């Protein structure tokens, strides 16, 4: 997968100053292509990660993730017992 050095450094207009989200989008979109996904179209709302967000319409919101509504894992240790300790 190839990522433009310029896009990586400069970011994308759709993501404003959030270069981290722009980089996440570039990688996720590129991996989607490697996995055989085609570009999608956005007419309004949150854009799917397979929408070409380098030239996003004003009616669409930038989105770097394939499943943006999934909960993000916490870096904090869990207080719940793990599967390996439940059997003891």
C-alpha atoms as a PDB file:
ATOM      1  CA  UNK A   1       0.000   0.000   0.000  1.00  0.00           C
ATOM      2  CA  UNK A   2       1.326   3.429  -0.909  1.00  0.00           C
ATOM      3  CA  UNK A   3       0.637   6.597   1.084  1.00  0.00           C
ATOM      4  CA  UNK A   4       1.583   9.958  -0.349  1.00  0.00           C
ATOM      5  CA  UNK A   5       4.376  11.538   1.677  1.00  0.00           C
ATOM      6  CA  UNK A   6       2.755  14.924   1.069  1.00  0.00           C
ATOM      7  CA  UNK A   7      -0.659  13.794   2.382  1.00  0.00           C
ATOM      8  CA  UNK A   8       1.013  12.140   5.390  1.00  0.00           C
ATOM      9  CA  UNK A   9       2.883  15.329   6.296  1.00  0.00           C
ATOM     10  CA  UNK A  10       0.342  17.982   5.295  1.00  0.00           C
ATOM     11  CA  UNK A  11      -2.858  16.193   6.268  1.00  0.00           C
ATOM     12  CA  UNK A  12      -6.155  16.451   4.404  1.00  0.00           C
ATOM     13  CA  UNK A  13      -8.503  19.448   4.247  1.00  0.00           C
ATOM     14  CA  UNK A  14     -11.481  17.322   5.363  1.00  0.00           C
ATOM     15  CA  UNK A  15      -9.697  16.635   8.666  1.00  0.00           C
ATOM     16  CA  UNK A  16      -8.629  20.262   9.201  1.00  0.00           C
ATOM     17  CA  UNK A  17      -5.649  20.371  11.580  1.00  0.00           C
ATOM     18  CA  UNK A  18      -6.183  16.796  12.869  1.00  0.00           C
ATOM     19  CA  UNK A  19      -3.248  15.121  11.126  1.00  0.00           C
ATOM     20  CA  UNK A  20      -3.561  12.003  13.261  1.00  0.00           C
ATOM     21  CA  UNK A  21      -7.123  11.374  12.022  1.00  0.00           C
ATOM     22  CA  UNK A  22      -6.037  12.124   8.435  1.00  0.00           C
ATOM     23  CA  UNK A  23      -3.239   9.555   8.759  1.00  0.00           C
ATOM     24  CA  UNK A  24      -5.639   7.013  10.266  1.00  0.00           C
ATOM     25  CA  UNK A  25      -7.945   7.586   7.292  1.00  0.00           C
ATOM     26  CA  UNK A  26      -5.117   7.226   4.749  1.00  0.00           C
ATOM     27  CA  UNK A  27      -4.043   3.891   6.238  1.00  0.00           C
ATOM     28  CA  UNK A  28      -7.581   2.521   6.743  1.00  0.00           C
ATOM     29  CA  UNK A  29      -8.712   3.582   3.254  1.00  0.00           C
ATOM     30  CA  UNK A  30      -5.585   2.093   1.666  1.00  0.00           C
ATOM     31  CA  UNK A  31      -5.971  -1.184   3.558  1.00  0.00           C
ATOM     32  CA  UNK A  32      -9.590  -1.313   2.382  1.00  0.00           C
ATOM     33  CA  UNK A  33      -8.339  -1.195  -1.208  1.00  0.00           C
ATOM     34  CA  UNK A  34      -5.773  -3.918  -0.481  1.00  0.00           C
ATOM     35  CA  UNK A  35      -8.644  -6.048   0.853  1.00  0.00           C
ATOM     36  CA  UNK A  36     -10.598  -5.486  -2.374  1.00  0.00           C
ATOM     37  CA  UNK A  37     -12.986  -2.728  -1.324  1.00  0.00           C
ATOM     38  CA  UNK A  38     -14.081  -0.182  -3.933  1.00  0.00           C
ATOM     39  CA  UNK A  39     -14.424   3.572  -3.369  1.00  0.00           C
ATOM     40  CA  UNK A  40     -17.820   4.548  -1.942  1.00  0.00           C
ATOM     41  CA  UNK A  41     -19.896   7.701  -2.429  1.00  0.00           C
ATOM     42  CA  UNK A  42     -21.132  10.092   0.270  1.00  0.00           C
ATOM     43  CA  UNK A  43     -24.082  12.383  -0.365  1.00  0.00           C
ATOM     44  CA  UNK A  44     -24.547  13.530   3.256  1.00  0.00           C
ATOM     45  CA  UNK A  45     -23.726  12.595   6.841  1.00  0.00           C
ATOM     46  CA  UNK A  46     -20.647  10.796   8.088  1.00  0.00           C
ATOM     47  CA  UNK A  47     -18.537   9.484   5.215  1.00  0.00           C
ATOM     48  CA  UNK A  48     -17.700   5.794   5.096  1.00  0.00           C
ATOM     49  CA  UNK A  49     -13.967   5.118   5.300  1.00  0.00           C
ATOM     50  CA  UNK A  50     -14.008   3.961   1.656  1.00  0.00           C
ATOM     51  CA  UNK A  51     -15.232   7.387   0.446  1.00  0.00           C
ATOM     52  CA  UNK A  52     -12.419   9.388  -1.166  1.00  0.00           C
ATOM     53  CA  UNK A  53     -12.103  11.985   1.598  1.00  0.00           C
ATOM     54  CA  UNK A  54      -9.327  13.945  -0.098  1.00  0.00           C
ATOM     55  CA  UNK A  55     -12.089  15.900  -1.889  1.00  0.00           C
ATOM     56  CA  UNK A  56     -15.056  15.591   0.491  1.00  0.00           C
ATOM     57  CA  UNK A  57     -18.259  17.551  -0.148  1.00  0.00           C
ATOM     58  CA  UNK A  58     -19.507  20.045   2.462  1.00  0.00           C
ATOM     59  CA  UNK A  59     -22.529  17.811   3.167  1.00  0.00           C
ATOM     60  CA  UNK A  60     -20.302  14.975   4.414  1.00  0.00           C
ATOM     61  CA  UNK A  61     -18.315  14.698   7.640  1.00  0.00           C
ATOM     62  CA  UNK A  62     -14.808  13.245   7.623  1.00  0.00           C
ATOM     63  CA  UNK A  63     -14.397   9.808   9.198  1.00  0.00           C
ATOM     64  CA  UNK A  64     -11.128   7.854   9.518  1.00  0.00           C
ATOM     65  CA  UNK A  65     -12.602   4.592  10.836  1.00  0.00           C
ATOM     66  CA  UNK A  66     -14.489   1.655   9.250  1.00  0.00           C
ATOM     67  CA  UNK A  67     -16.721   1.268  12.343  1.00  0.00           C
ATOM     68  CA  UNK A  68     -16.648   4.669  14.064  1.00  0.00           C
ATOM     69  CA  UNK A  69     -19.388   3.832  16.590  1.00  0.00           C
ATOM     70  CA  UNK A  70     -17.582   0.860  18.125  1.00  0.00           C
ATOM     71  CA  UNK A  71     -16.257   1.469  21.650  1.00  0.00           C
ATOM     72  CA  UNK A  72     -12.537   2.105  21.883  1.00  0.00           C
ATOM     73  CA  UNK A  73     -10.556  -0.161  24.177  1.00  0.00           C
ATOM     74  CA  UNK A  74      -9.231   1.532  27.279  1.00  0.00           C
ATOM     75  CA  UNK A  75      -5.560   1.626  28.234  1.00  0.00           C
ATOM     76  CA  UNK A  76      -6.621   1.209  31.853  1.00  0.00           C
ATOM     77  CA  UNK A  77      -6.298  -2.256  33.438  1.00  0.00           C
ATOM     78  CA  UNK A  78      -9.572  -4.127  33.770  1.00  0.00           C
ATOM     79  CA  UNK A  79     -10.890  -5.077  37.215  1.00  0.00           C
ATOM     80  CA  UNK A  80     -12.896  -7.943  35.697  1.00  0.00           C
ATOM     81  CA  UNK A  81     -11.281 -11.375  35.960  1.00  0.00           C
ATOM     82  CA  UNK A  82      -9.809 -12.741  32.750  1.00  0.00           C
ATOM     83  CA  UNK A  83     -10.945 -16.061  31.264  1.00  0.00           C
ATOM     84  CA  UNK A  84      -7.765 -17.766  32.502  1.00  0.00           C
ATOM     85  CA  UNK A  85      -8.362 -16.742  36.152  1.00  0.00           C
ATOM     86  CA  UNK A  86     -12.049 -17.750  36.171  1.00  0.00           C
ATOM     87  CA  UNK A  87     -11.167 -21.440  35.761  1.00  0.00           C
ATOM     88  CA  UNK A  88      -8.876 -21.542  38.808  1.00  0.00           C
END
